[in-house]
Amino acid sequence: MPGDTTTHQQTFPAIGQIAADMRRVGERYELRGVDGWLQGRTMYGGASSFLAYAAARRAMPDLPPLRGAQIGFIAPIGTDLDITVSVLRQGKSVSQIQTDIHFEGALAHRGLWLFGSARPSNGSVAPGRCEGFLPYEDMDEVGSPEGLHFVRNLDIRRAEPEGGVPPGTLRRWVRIRDRAGLDPIGELVLIGDALPPGSIRMMERQGPISSINWSLTVLGDAPTTREGWWLLETSSNHMADGFSSETLRMWNADGVEVMRGLQSVAIFG
């Protein structure tokens, strides 16, 4: 991710504050003038997904922890958006919630959110650990590419170990500069889609890329890390015919996995 490494000043409202300021108008939540989170002509997918998650939390504050989500990036989203929240099913321990984001009157983003209360365990499997990673304290900063305005809200450092990572894989340390107003799970949703797909490293010529969907699973209900740093990785499982299947992984600063996802990506050019 080459670019200017001198831009550090936070010039936009914290996204936690943006979410707190969303207005309820009838059956929808309104957000107007959401600035600082665009990537080209659309909002960064982690930001739009976080705002949908925040709307669900606002509509139903007693929901249990988020366990997973399926997100469709249907159309570009600009700075003015409307969010609706609906209950698909609410059981004793599991609630399935749908969020829809409309931009300029058209459906642009749909989230299916799975919230689940903890119950007595019948066996256990510990989360995986990242082997051979390099601590964020030892890594150099990475600059912000042109056109990806949302990256100015992040601190990004290199994270690839000696010997590199497999082909079609990208790994970075990432931290949100202003974490005010973010709950731990909301922070993961916001940052989980921050890297370009790993397939960007296998492209034979430069061209646009676009995320189509994102399926994520949260590992645990109380993720923690040090100083806000998370280790992110995107890796192409298969790239052909203008599409890539990507695995997305996230670890905390100690190398404990906290989120895993799958994503379909369209590759142009």
C-alpha atoms as a PDB file:
ATOM      1  CA  MET A   1       0.000   0.000   0.000  1.00  0.00           C
ATOM      2  CA  PRO A   2       2.387   2.753  -1.171  1.00  0.00           C
ATOM      3  CA  GLY A   3       1.704   6.395  -0.606  1.00  0.00           C
ATOM      4  CA  ASP A   4       2.366   9.464   1.482  1.00  0.00           C
ATOM      5  CA  THR A   5       3.281   8.603   5.062  1.00  0.00           C
ATOM      6  CA  THR A   6       3.096  12.169   6.362  1.00  0.00           C
ATOM      7  CA  THR A   7      -0.699  12.478   6.802  1.00  0.00           C
ATOM      8  CA  HIS A   8      -1.487  11.968  10.477  1.00  0.00           C
ATOM      9  CA  GLN A   9      -4.006  14.633  11.418  1.00  0.00           C
ATOM     10  CA  GLN A  10      -7.509  13.413  12.231  1.00  0.00           C
ATOM     11  CA  THR A  11      -9.787  15.688  10.217  1.00  0.00           C
ATOM     12  CA  PHE A  12     -13.107  13.821  10.407  1.00  0.00           C
ATOM     13  CA  PRO A  13     -15.486  12.991  13.260  1.00  0.00           C
ATOM     14  CA  ALA A  14     -14.849   9.700  15.032  1.00  0.00           C
ATOM     15  CA  ILE A  15     -17.108   7.059  13.532  1.00  0.00           C
ATOM     16  CA  GLY A  16     -18.325   6.158  17.018  1.00  0.00           C
ATOM     17  CA  GLN A  17     -19.648   9.712  17.278  1.00  0.00           C
ATOM     18  CA  ILE A  18     -21.164   9.495  13.797  1.00  0.00           C
ATOM     19  CA  ALA A  19     -23.064   6.365  14.876  1.00  0.00           C
ATOM     20  CA  ALA A  20     -24.180   8.027  18.120  1.00  0.00           C
ATOM     21  CA  ASP A  21     -25.550  10.983  16.151  1.00  0.00           C
ATOM     22  CA  MET A  22     -27.733   8.943  13.762  1.00  0.00           C
ATOM     23  CA  ARG A  23     -31.346  10.163  13.918  1.00  0.00           C
ATOM     24  CA  ARG A  24     -34.378   7.934  14.103  1.00  0.00           C
ATOM     25  CA  VAL A  25     -37.069   9.087  11.708  1.00  0.00           C
ATOM     26  CA  GLY A  26     -40.100   6.820  11.775  1.00  0.00           C
ATOM     27  CA  GLU A  27     -38.938   3.286  11.002  1.00  0.00           C
ATOM     28  CA  ARG A  28     -35.469   4.223   9.785  1.00  0.00           C
ATOM     29  CA  TYR A  29     -32.220   5.788  10.965  1.00  0.00           C
ATOM     30  CA  GLU A  30     -30.848   8.717   9.010  1.00  0.00           C
ATOM     31  CA  LEU A  31     -27.221   9.677   8.517  1.00  0.00           C
ATOM     32  CA  ARG A  32     -26.311  12.731   6.494  1.00  0.00           C
ATOM     33  CA  GLY A  33     -22.907  13.985   5.436  1.00  0.00           C
ATOM     34  CA  VAL A  34     -20.881  10.988   6.638  1.00  0.00           C
ATOM     35  CA  ASP A  35     -17.441  12.199   5.637  1.00  0.00           C
ATOM     36  CA  GLY A  36     -13.993  10.673   5.783  1.00  0.00           C
ATOM     37  CA  TRP A  37     -14.883   7.031   5.095  1.00  0.00           C
ATOM     38  CA  LEU A  38     -15.080   6.887   1.311  1.00  0.00           C
ATOM     39  CA  GLN A  39     -12.977   4.719  -0.985  1.00  0.00           C
ATOM     40  CA  GLY A  40     -13.483   6.083  -4.442  1.00  0.00           C
ATOM     41  CA  ARG A  41     -17.202   6.497  -5.134  1.00  0.00           C
ATOM     42  CA  THR A  42     -18.458   4.303  -2.303  1.00  0.00           C
ATOM     43  CA  MET A  43     -18.138   4.099   1.454  1.00  0.00           C
ATOM     44  CA  TYR A  44     -15.535   1.704   2.824  1.00  0.00           C
ATOM     45  CA  GLY A  45     -17.325  -1.595   3.515  1.00  0.00           C
ATOM     46  CA  GLY A  46     -16.214  -1.853   7.121  1.00  0.00           C
ATOM     47  CA  ALA A  47     -17.678   1.590   7.844  1.00  0.00           C
ATOM     48  CA  SER A  48     -21.040   0.901   6.205  1.00  0.00           C
ATOM     49  CA  SER A  49     -21.220  -2.477   7.969  1.00  0.00           C
ATOM     50  CA  PHE A  50     -20.326  -0.897  11.309  1.00  0.00           C
ATOM     51  CA  LEU A  51     -23.054   1.735  10.907  1.00  0.00           C
ATOM     52  CA  ALA A  52     -25.586  -1.023  10.131  1.00  0.00           C
ATOM     53  CA  TYR A  53     -24.411  -2.951  13.207  1.00  0.00           C
ATOM     54  CA  ALA A  54     -24.676   0.229  15.306  1.00  0.00           C
ATOM     55  CA  ALA A  55     -28.233   0.811  14.060  1.00  0.00           C
ATOM     56  CA  ALA A  56     -29.193  -2.735  15.110  1.00  0.00           C
ATOM     57  CA  ARG A  57     -27.688  -2.110  18.532  1.00  0.00           C
ATOM     58  CA  ARG A  58     -29.519   1.209  18.790  1.00  0.00           C
ATOM     59  CA  ALA A  59     -32.849  -0.348  17.809  1.00  0.00           C
ATOM     60  CA  MET A  60     -32.433  -3.328  20.154  1.00  0.00           C
ATOM     61  CA  PRO A  61     -30.015  -2.419  22.976  1.00  0.00           C
ATOM     62  CA  ASP A  62     -30.609  -5.697  24.841  1.00  0.00           C
ATOM     63  CA  LEU A  63     -29.264  -7.919  22.050  1.00  0.00           C
ATOM     64  CA  PRO A  64     -26.681 -10.503  23.186  1.00  0.00           C
ATOM     65  CA  PRO A  65     -23.140 -10.483  21.722  1.00  0.00           C
ATOM     66  CA  LEU A  66     -22.632 -10.672  17.973  1.00  0.00           C
ATOM     67  CA  ARG A  67     -21.570 -14.153  16.826  1.00  0.00           C
ATOM     68  CA  GLY A  68     -21.515 -13.764  13.059  1.00  0.00           C
ATOM     69  CA  ALA A  69     -22.832 -11.878  10.053  1.00  0.00           C
ATOM     70  CA  GLN A  70     -23.453 -12.167   6.330  1.00  0.00           C
ATOM     71  CA  ILE A  71     -23.131  -8.908   4.445  1.00  0.00           C
ATOM     72  CA  GLY A  72     -23.964  -8.043   0.866  1.00  0.00           C
ATOM     73  CA  PHE A  73     -22.324  -5.014  -0.762  1.00  0.00           C
ATOM     74  CA  ILE A  74     -25.037  -4.432  -3.323  1.00  0.00           C
ATOM     75  CA  ALA A  75     -24.381  -0.943  -4.689  1.00  0.00           C
ATOM     76  CA  PRO A  76     -22.233   2.123  -3.950  1.00  0.00           C
ATOM     77  CA  ILE A  77     -23.038   4.096  -0.777  1.00  0.00           C
ATOM     78  CA  GLY A  78     -22.395   7.823  -0.534  1.00  0.00           C
ATOM     79  CA  THR A  79     -22.401  10.210   2.400  1.00  0.00           C
ATOM     80  CA  ASP A  80     -26.206  10.288   2.940  1.00  0.00           C
ATOM     81  CA  LEU A  81     -27.825   7.000   3.920  1.00  0.00           C
ATOM     82  CA  ASP A  82     -30.905   5.505   5.558  1.00  0.00           C
ATOM     83  CA  ILE A  83     -30.814   2.329   7.653  1.00  0.00           C
ATOM     84  CA  THR A  84     -33.739   0.075   8.571  1.00  0.00           C
ATOM     85  CA  VAL A  85     -33.620  -2.707  11.163  1.00  0.00           C
ATOM     86  CA  SER A  86     -35.956  -5.714  11.248  1.00  0.00           C
ATOM     87  CA  VAL A  87     -36.176  -8.877  13.348  1.00  0.00           C
ATOM     88  CA  LEU A  88     -36.127 -12.115  11.358  1.00  0.00           C
ATOM     89  CA  ARG A  89     -36.342 -14.342  14.395  1.00  0.00           C
ATOM     90  CA  GLN A  90     -35.786 -13.893  18.112  1.00  0.00           C
ATOM     91  CA  GLY A  91     -35.440 -17.089  20.157  1.00  0.00           C
ATOM     92  CA  LYS A  92     -34.438 -17.783  23.746  1.00  0.00           C
ATOM     93  CA  SER A  93     -30.717 -17.333  23.102  1.00  0.00           C
ATOM     94  CA  VAL A  94     -30.304 -16.411  19.429  1.00  0.00           C
ATOM     95  CA  SER A  95     -31.601 -13.385  17.528  1.00  0.00           C
ATOM     96  CA  GLN A  96     -31.328 -12.955  13.773  1.00  0.00           C
ATOM     97  CA  ILE A  97     -31.540  -9.328  12.667  1.00  0.00           C
ATOM     98  CA  GLN A  98     -31.612  -7.810   9.189  1.00  0.00           C
ATOM     99  CA  THR A  99     -30.328  -4.346   8.346  1.00  0.00           C
ATOM    100  CA  ASP A 100     -30.824  -2.571   5.029  1.00  0.00           C
ATOM    101  CA  ILE A 101     -28.949   0.547   3.938  1.00  0.00           C
ATOM    102  CA  HIS A 102     -30.540   2.643   1.219  1.00  0.00           C
ATOM    103  CA  PHE A 103     -28.671   5.289  -0.755  1.00  0.00           C
ATOM    104  CA  GLU A 104     -30.533   7.603  -3.128  1.00  0.00           C
ATOM    105  CA  GLY A 105     -33.633   5.454  -2.669  1.00  0.00           C
ATOM    106  CA  ALA A 106     -32.005   2.162  -3.703  1.00  0.00           C
ATOM    107  CA  LEU A 107     -30.949  -0.802  -1.590  1.00  0.00           C
ATOM    108  CA  ALA A 108     -27.142  -0.675  -1.344  1.00  0.00           C
ATOM    109  CA  HIS A 109     -26.185  -2.880   1.633  1.00  0.00           C
ATOM    110  CA  ARG A 110     -27.878  -5.739   3.432  1.00  0.00           C
ATOM    111  CA  GLY A 111     -26.653  -7.301   6.667  1.00  0.00           C
ATOM    112  CA  LEU A 112     -27.895 -10.505   8.315  1.00  0.00           C
ATOM    113  CA  TRP A 113     -26.640 -10.412  11.902  1.00  0.00           C
ATOM    114  CA  LEU A 114     -26.543 -13.344  14.318  1.00  0.00           C
ATOM    115  CA  PHE A 115     -26.566 -12.390  18.014  1.00  0.00           C
ATOM    116  CA  GLY A 116     -26.327 -15.161  20.610  1.00  0.00           C
ATOM    117  CA  SER A 117     -26.220 -15.417  24.395  1.00  0.00           C
ATOM    118  CA  ALA A 118     -23.582 -17.596  26.043  1.00  0.00           C
ATOM    119  CA  ARG A 119     -24.733 -20.896  27.536  1.00  0.00           C
ATOM    120  CA  PRO A 120     -22.958 -23.757  29.370  1.00  0.00           C
ATOM    121  CA  SER A 121     -20.304 -25.270  27.127  1.00  0.00           C
ATOM    122  CA  ASN A 122     -20.493 -28.848  25.897  1.00  0.00           C
ATOM    123  CA  GLY A 123     -16.793 -29.113  25.029  1.00  0.00           C
ATOM    124  CA  SER A 124     -14.420 -26.455  23.775  1.00  0.00           C
ATOM    125  CA  VAL A 125     -11.929 -25.587  21.028  1.00  0.00           C
ATOM    126  CA  ALA A 126      -9.484 -22.760  21.690  1.00  0.00           C
ATOM    127  CA  PRO A 127      -9.043 -20.042  19.052  1.00  0.00           C
ATOM    128  CA  GLY A 128      -6.087 -20.477  16.731  1.00  0.00           C
ATOM    129  CA  ARG A 129      -2.842 -18.592  17.116  1.00  0.00           C
ATOM    130  CA  CYS A 130      -0.767 -16.839  14.482  1.00  0.00           C
ATOM    131  CA  GLU A 131       2.693 -18.384  14.328  1.00  0.00           C
ATOM    132  CA  GLY A 132       5.861 -16.442  13.595  1.00  0.00           C
ATOM    133  CA  PHE A 133       4.258 -13.001  13.480  1.00  0.00           C
ATOM    134  CA  LEU A 134       6.352  -9.880  14.090  1.00  0.00           C
ATOM    135  CA  PRO A 135       5.298  -7.495  16.908  1.00  0.00           C
ATOM    136  CA  TYR A 136       3.741  -4.212  15.830  1.00  0.00           C
ATOM    137  CA  GLU A 137       6.343  -2.335  17.904  1.00  0.00           C
ATOM    138  CA  ASP A 138       9.068  -3.528  15.512  1.00  0.00           C
ATOM    139  CA  MET A 139       7.295  -2.750  12.236  1.00  0.00           C
ATOM    140  CA  ASP A 140       7.420   0.259   9.897  1.00  0.00           C
ATOM    141  CA  GLU A 141       4.436   2.423   9.027  1.00  0.00           C
ATOM    142  CA  VAL A 142       2.724   2.049   5.661  1.00  0.00           C
ATOM    143  CA  GLY A 143       1.411   5.066   3.772  1.00  0.00           C
ATOM    144  CA  SER A 144      -2.083   5.835   2.510  1.00  0.00           C
ATOM    145  CA  PRO A 145      -2.930   5.146  -1.156  1.00  0.00           C
ATOM    146  CA  GLU A 146      -4.530   7.956  -3.133  1.00  0.00           C
ATOM    147  CA  GLY A 147      -8.324   7.845  -3.331  1.00  0.00           C
ATOM    148  CA  LEU A 148      -8.777   5.697  -0.222  1.00  0.00           C
ATOM    149  CA  HIS A 149      -9.760   8.532   2.099  1.00  0.00           C
ATOM    150  CA  PHE A 150     -10.927   6.175   4.843  1.00  0.00           C
ATOM    151  CA  VAL A 151      -7.344   4.953   5.362  1.00  0.00           C
ATOM    152  CA  ARG A 152      -6.539   8.321   6.957  1.00  0.00           C
ATOM    153  CA  ASN A 153      -8.557   7.114   9.945  1.00  0.00           C
ATOM    154  CA  LEU A 154      -6.169   4.186  10.433  1.00  0.00           C
ATOM    155  CA  ASP A 155      -2.609   3.545  11.512  1.00  0.00           C
ATOM    156  CA  ILE A 156      -1.121   0.776   9.364  1.00  0.00           C
ATOM    157  CA  ARG A 157       2.172  -1.033   9.814  1.00  0.00           C
ATOM    158  CA  ARG A 158       3.890  -3.799   7.935  1.00  0.00           C
ATOM    159  CA  ALA A 159       3.422  -7.256   9.403  1.00  0.00           C
ATOM    160  CA  GLU A 160       4.941  -9.763   7.003  1.00  0.00           C
ATOM    161  CA  PRO A 161       7.442 -12.084   8.692  1.00  0.00           C
ATOM    162  CA  GLU A 162      10.901 -12.893   7.430  1.00  0.00           C
ATOM    163  CA  GLY A 163      10.496 -15.028   4.344  1.00  0.00           C
ATOM    164  CA  GLY A 164       7.200 -13.352   3.498  1.00  0.00           C
ATOM    165  CA  VAL A 165       3.707 -14.803   3.257  1.00  0.00           C
ATOM    166  CA  PRO A 166       2.219 -17.207   0.682  1.00  0.00           C
ATOM    167  CA  PRO A 167       1.397 -15.873  -2.802  1.00  0.00           C
ATOM    168  CA  GLY A 168      -1.852 -13.930  -2.955  1.00  0.00           C
ATOM    169  CA  THR A 169      -1.646 -12.983   0.734  1.00  0.00           C
ATOM    170  CA  LEU A 170      -1.440  -9.567   2.408  1.00  0.00           C
ATOM    171  CA  ARG A 171      -0.808  -9.039   6.139  1.00  0.00           C
ATOM    172  CA  ARG A 172      -0.769  -5.750   8.079  1.00  0.00           C
ATOM    173  CA  TRP A 173      -1.035  -4.369  11.595  1.00  0.00           C
ATOM    174  CA  VAL A 174      -4.000  -1.974  11.729  1.00  0.00           C
ATOM    175  CA  ARG A 175      -5.281   0.405  14.393  1.00  0.00           C
ATOM    176  CA  ILE A 176      -8.180   2.867  14.386  1.00  0.00           C
ATOM    177  CA  ARG A 177      -6.867   6.293  15.312  1.00  0.00           C
ATOM    178  CA  ASP A 178      -9.969   7.483  17.144  1.00  0.00           C
ATOM    179  CA  ARG A 179     -11.677   4.572  18.938  1.00  0.00           C
ATOM    180  CA  ALA A 180     -14.036   6.769  20.969  1.00  0.00           C
ATOM    181  CA  GLY A 181     -17.528   5.329  21.255  1.00  0.00           C
ATOM    182  CA  LEU A 182     -16.668   1.891  19.851  1.00  0.00           C
ATOM    183  CA  ASP A 183     -17.633  -1.323  21.609  1.00  0.00           C
ATOM    184  CA  PRO A 184     -15.158  -4.227  21.165  1.00  0.00           C
ATOM    185  CA  ILE A 185     -17.263  -6.126  18.606  1.00  0.00           C
ATOM    186  CA  GLY A 186     -18.138  -2.978  16.682  1.00  0.00           C
ATOM    187  CA  GLU A 187     -14.427  -2.257  16.396  1.00  0.00           C
ATOM    188  CA  LEU A 188     -13.834  -5.659  14.798  1.00  0.00           C
ATOM    189  CA  VAL A 189     -16.644  -5.087  12.281  1.00  0.00           C
ATOM    190  CA  LEU A 190     -15.246  -1.651  11.455  1.00  0.00           C
ATOM    191  CA  ILE A 191     -11.688  -2.802  10.919  1.00  0.00           C
ATOM    192  CA  GLY A 192     -12.175  -6.352   9.630  1.00  0.00           C
ATOM    193  CA  ASP A 193     -12.489  -5.346   5.963  1.00  0.00           C
ATOM    194  CA  ALA A 194      -9.693  -2.753   6.037  1.00  0.00           C
ATOM    195  CA  LEU A 195      -7.133  -4.521   3.812  1.00  0.00           C
ATOM    196  CA  PRO A 196      -7.299  -4.923   0.048  1.00  0.00           C
ATOM    197  CA  PRO A 197      -7.844  -8.532  -1.044  1.00  0.00           C
ATOM    198  CA  GLY A 198      -4.726 -10.665  -1.141  1.00  0.00           C
ATOM    199  CA  SER A 199      -5.378 -11.236  -4.841  1.00  0.00           C
ATOM    200  CA  ILE A 200      -4.239  -7.659  -5.486  1.00  0.00           C
ATOM    201  CA  ARG A 201      -0.713  -9.049  -5.317  1.00  0.00           C
ATOM    202  CA  MET A 202      -1.426 -11.498  -8.117  1.00  0.00           C
ATOM    203  CA  MET A 203      -2.949  -9.030 -10.573  1.00  0.00           C
ATOM    204  CA  GLU A 204      -1.033  -8.872 -13.850  1.00  0.00           C
ATOM    205  CA  ARG A 205      -2.034  -5.258 -14.466  1.00  0.00           C
ATOM    206  CA  GLN A 206      -3.465  -2.503 -12.322  1.00  0.00           C
ATOM    207  CA  GLY A 207      -7.255  -2.253 -12.221  1.00  0.00           C
ATOM    208  CA  PRO A 208     -10.182  -1.679  -9.874  1.00  0.00           C
ATOM    209  CA  ILE A 209     -11.382  -4.263  -7.370  1.00  0.00           C
ATOM    210  CA  SER A 210     -14.687  -4.447  -5.518  1.00  0.00           C
ATOM    211  CA  SER A 211     -15.909  -6.521  -2.571  1.00  0.00           C
ATOM    212  CA  ILE A 212     -19.210  -8.270  -3.316  1.00  0.00           C
ATOM    213  CA  ASN A 213     -19.999  -9.851   0.029  1.00  0.00           C
ATOM    214  CA  TRP A 214     -18.497 -10.630   3.430  1.00  0.00           C
ATOM    215  CA  SER A 215     -19.284 -13.484   5.790  1.00  0.00           C
ATOM    216  CA  LEU A 216     -17.684 -13.199   9.231  1.00  0.00           C
ATOM    217  CA  THR A 217     -17.536 -15.170  12.464  1.00  0.00           C
ATOM    218  CA  VAL A 218     -16.504 -13.619  15.771  1.00  0.00           C
ATOM    219  CA  LEU A 219     -14.389 -15.911  17.975  1.00  0.00           C
ATOM    220  CA  GLY A 220     -15.538 -15.104  21.491  1.00  0.00           C
ATOM    221  CA  ASP A 221     -17.624 -12.255  22.843  1.00  0.00           C
ATOM    222  CA  ALA A 222     -15.033  -9.988  24.490  1.00  0.00           C
ATOM    223  CA  PRO A 223     -12.017  -9.463  22.191  1.00  0.00           C
ATOM    224  CA  THR A 224      -9.122  -7.460  23.607  1.00  0.00           C
ATOM    225  CA  THR A 225      -5.756  -6.306  22.326  1.00  0.00           C
ATOM    226  CA  ARG A 226      -2.958  -3.912  23.270  1.00  0.00           C
ATOM    227  CA  GLU A 227      -2.937  -0.236  22.284  1.00  0.00           C
ATOM    228  CA  GLY A 228      -5.655  -0.833  19.698  1.00  0.00           C
ATOM    229  CA  TRP A 229      -3.484  -2.899  17.320  1.00  0.00           C
ATOM    230  CA  TRP A 230      -4.963  -5.844  15.394  1.00  0.00           C
ATOM    231  CA  LEU A 231      -3.179  -8.143  12.950  1.00  0.00           C
ATOM    232  CA  LEU A 232      -5.135  -8.543   9.694  1.00  0.00           C
ATOM    233  CA  GLU A 233      -4.615 -10.885   6.776  1.00  0.00           C
ATOM    234  CA  THR A 234      -6.373 -11.379   3.451  1.00  0.00           C
ATOM    235  CA  SER A 235      -5.537 -14.394   1.317  1.00  0.00           C
ATOM    236  CA  SER A 236      -6.889 -15.524  -2.040  1.00  0.00           C
ATOM    237  CA  ASN A 237      -8.150 -19.107  -2.113  1.00  0.00           C
ATOM    238  CA  HIS A 238      -8.835 -19.038  -5.848  1.00  0.00           C
ATOM    239  CA  MET A 239      -8.507 -16.257  -8.418  1.00  0.00           C
ATOM    240  CA  ALA A 240      -9.804 -16.643 -11.979  1.00  0.00           C
ATOM    241  CA  ASP A 241     -12.330 -15.273 -14.480  1.00  0.00           C
ATOM    242  CA  GLY A 242     -12.464 -11.848 -12.808  1.00  0.00           C
ATOM    243  CA  PHE A 243     -13.279 -13.116  -9.309  1.00  0.00           C
ATOM    244  CA  SER A 244     -11.367 -14.076  -6.187  1.00  0.00           C
ATOM    245  CA  SER A 245     -12.451 -16.061  -3.130  1.00  0.00           C
ATOM    246  CA  GLU A 246     -10.713 -14.585  -0.087  1.00  0.00           C
ATOM    247  CA  THR A 247     -10.189 -15.713   3.496  1.00  0.00           C
ATOM    248  CA  LEU A 248      -9.973 -12.844   6.017  1.00  0.00           C
ATOM    249  CA  ARG A 249      -8.361 -13.402   9.413  1.00  0.00           C
ATOM    250  CA  MET A 250      -7.783 -11.160  12.400  1.00  0.00           C
ATOM    251  CA  TRP A 251      -5.625 -11.707  15.487  1.00  0.00           C
ATOM    252  CA  ASN A 252      -4.984  -9.585  18.562  1.00  0.00           C
ATOM    253  CA  ALA A 253      -1.553  -8.246  19.525  1.00  0.00           C
ATOM    254  CA  ASP A 254      -0.694 -11.571  21.181  1.00  0.00           C
ATOM    255  CA  GLY A 255      -1.502 -13.552  18.032  1.00  0.00           C
ATOM    256  CA  VAL A 256      -4.829 -14.979  19.256  1.00  0.00           C
ATOM    257  CA  GLU A 257      -7.422 -15.200  16.482  1.00  0.00           C
ATOM    258  CA  VAL A 258     -10.550 -13.086  17.111  1.00  0.00           C
ATOM    259  CA  MET A 259     -12.350 -13.111  13.739  1.00  0.00           C
ATOM    260  CA  ARG A 260     -12.430 -15.147  10.542  1.00  0.00           C
ATOM    261  CA  GLY A 261     -14.297 -14.436   7.345  1.00  0.00           C
ATOM    262  CA  LEU A 262     -14.841 -15.247   3.682  1.00  0.00           C
ATOM    263  CA  GLN A 263     -15.304 -12.741   0.905  1.00  0.00           C
ATOM    264  CA  SER A 264     -16.038 -12.729  -2.808  1.00  0.00           C
ATOM    265  CA  VAL A 265     -14.212 -10.028  -4.753  1.00  0.00           C
ATOM    266  CA  ALA A 266     -14.702  -8.784  -8.315  1.00  0.00           C
ATOM    267  CA  ILE A 267     -11.452  -8.009 -10.171  1.00  0.00           C
ATOM    268  CA  PHE A 268     -11.562  -5.702 -13.174  1.00  0.00           C
ATOM    269  CA  GLY A 269      -9.014  -4.418 -15.643  1.00  0.00           C
END
